[in-house]
Amino acid sequence: MLAEFLRQQAGSCRSLARATFDLTTAEKLRYMAASLEAKAETLDDKQTPGAHPLPGNGFSTNESPG
């Protein structure tokens, strides 16, 4: 949910960057958009199913107890 919000904010930054005539401001907005997208991607990676221990056996789907 937070990742989606960050992506929406990144989209807003990109839209503002396209709408402005000030090249310095546009560059900063594009940088902000890229940073927000990277943070959203990091959050998605942390929330990937199977990345966290499962209740019961203590292992994720990618690990084995042996």
C-alpha atoms as a PDB file:
ATOM      1  CA  MET A   1       0.000   0.000   0.000  1.00  0.00           C
ATOM      2  CA  LEU A   2       2.810   2.424   0.856  1.00  0.00           C
ATOM      3  CA  ALA A   3       4.683   1.350  -2.281  1.00  0.00           C
ATOM      4  CA  GLU A   4       1.670   2.255  -4.416  1.00  0.00           C
ATOM      5  CA  PHE A   5       1.455   5.677  -2.743  1.00  0.00           C
ATOM      6  CA  LEU A   6       5.146   6.276  -3.473  1.00  0.00           C
ATOM      7  CA  ARG A   7       4.564   5.349  -7.125  1.00  0.00           C
ATOM      8  CA  GLN A   8       1.666   7.801  -7.322  1.00  0.00           C
ATOM      9  CA  GLN A   9       3.883  10.527  -5.902  1.00  0.00           C
ATOM     10  CA  ALA A  10       6.586   9.639  -8.426  1.00  0.00           C
ATOM     11  CA  GLY A  11       4.005  10.007 -11.196  1.00  0.00           C
ATOM     12  CA  SER A  12       3.061  13.429  -9.878  1.00  0.00           C
ATOM     13  CA  CYS A  13       6.718  14.470  -9.893  1.00  0.00           C
ATOM     14  CA  ARG A  14       7.115  13.304 -13.486  1.00  0.00           C
ATOM     15  CA  SER A  15       3.987  15.202 -14.535  1.00  0.00           C
ATOM     16  CA  LEU A  16       5.227  18.370 -12.893  1.00  0.00           C
ATOM     17  CA  ALA A  17       8.631  17.903 -14.526  1.00  0.00           C
ATOM     18  CA  ARG A  18       6.982  17.755 -17.953  1.00  0.00           C
ATOM     19  CA  ALA A  19       4.848  20.816 -17.201  1.00  0.00           C
ATOM     20  CA  THR A  20       7.596  23.159 -16.035  1.00  0.00           C
ATOM     21  CA  PHE A  21       9.783  25.312 -18.257  1.00  0.00           C
ATOM     22  CA  ASP A  22      12.507  25.559 -15.612  1.00  0.00           C
ATOM     23  CA  LEU A  23      15.045  22.885 -16.536  1.00  0.00           C
ATOM     24  CA  THR A  24      16.646  22.833 -13.079  1.00  0.00           C
ATOM     25  CA  THR A  25      13.293  22.231 -11.429  1.00  0.00           C
ATOM     26  CA  ALA A  26      12.405  19.562 -13.995  1.00  0.00           C
ATOM     27  CA  GLU A  27      15.679  17.759 -13.310  1.00  0.00           C
ATOM     28  CA  LYS A  28      15.072  17.815  -9.542  1.00  0.00           C
ATOM     29  CA  LEU A  29      11.543  16.501 -10.017  1.00  0.00           C
ATOM     30  CA  ARG A  30      12.773  13.652 -12.227  1.00  0.00           C
ATOM     31  CA  TYR A  31      15.376  12.794  -9.577  1.00  0.00           C
ATOM     32  CA  MET A  32      12.676  12.803  -6.891  1.00  0.00           C
ATOM     33  CA  ALA A  33      10.514  10.531  -9.053  1.00  0.00           C
ATOM     34  CA  ALA A  34      13.384   8.073  -9.514  1.00  0.00           C
ATOM     35  CA  SER A  35      14.068   8.063  -5.764  1.00  0.00           C
ATOM     36  CA  LEU A  36      10.424   7.421  -4.952  1.00  0.00           C
ATOM     37  CA  GLU A  37      10.275   4.570  -7.468  1.00  0.00           C
ATOM     38  CA  ALA A  38      13.408   3.024  -5.950  1.00  0.00           C
ATOM     39  CA  LYS A  39      11.911   3.209  -2.461  1.00  0.00           C
ATOM     40  CA  ALA A  40       8.701   1.602  -3.716  1.00  0.00           C
ATOM     41  CA  GLU A  41      10.729  -1.188  -5.331  1.00  0.00           C
ATOM     42  CA  THR A  42      12.608  -1.756  -2.068  1.00  0.00           C
ATOM     43  CA  LEU A  43       9.315  -2.016  -0.193  1.00  0.00           C
ATOM     44  CA  ASP A  44       7.990  -4.484  -2.765  1.00  0.00           C
ATOM     45  CA  ASP A  45      11.112  -6.621  -2.372  1.00  0.00           C
ATOM     46  CA  LYS A  46      10.645  -6.710   1.401  1.00  0.00           C
ATOM     47  CA  GLN A  47       6.988  -7.708   1.016  1.00  0.00           C
ATOM     48  CA  THR A  48       7.547 -10.516  -1.496  1.00  0.00           C
ATOM     49  CA  PRO A  49       5.694 -13.678  -0.450  1.00  0.00           C
ATOM     50  CA  GLY A  50       8.049 -16.368   0.768  1.00  0.00           C
ATOM     51  CA  ALA A  51      10.634 -13.881   1.976  1.00  0.00           C
ATOM     52  CA  HIS A  52       9.457 -14.033   5.574  1.00  0.00           C
ATOM     53  CA  PRO A  53       9.433 -17.013   7.934  1.00  0.00           C
ATOM     54  CA  LEU A  54       6.190 -18.908   7.870  1.00  0.00           C
ATOM     55  CA  PRO A  55       4.312 -19.616  11.090  1.00  0.00           C
ATOM     56  CA  GLY A  56       4.655 -23.190  12.232  1.00  0.00           C
ATOM     57  CA  ASN A  57       7.927 -24.410  10.788  1.00  0.00           C
ATOM     58  CA  GLY A  58      10.037 -21.251  10.991  1.00  0.00           C
ATOM     59  CA  PHE A  59      11.255 -21.425   7.392  1.00  0.00           C
ATOM     60  CA  SER A  60      10.267 -19.505   4.303  1.00  0.00           C
ATOM     61  CA  THR A  61       9.248 -21.334   1.139  1.00  0.00           C
ATOM     62  CA  ASN A  62      12.781 -20.882  -0.243  1.00  0.00           C
ATOM     63  CA  GLU A  63      14.545 -22.592   2.661  1.00  0.00           C
ATOM     64  CA  SER A  64      14.694 -26.139   3.922  1.00  0.00           C
ATOM     65  CA  PRO A  65      15.395 -27.253   7.493  1.00  0.00           C
ATOM     66  CA  GLY A  66      18.402 -29.356   6.601  1.00  0.00           C
END
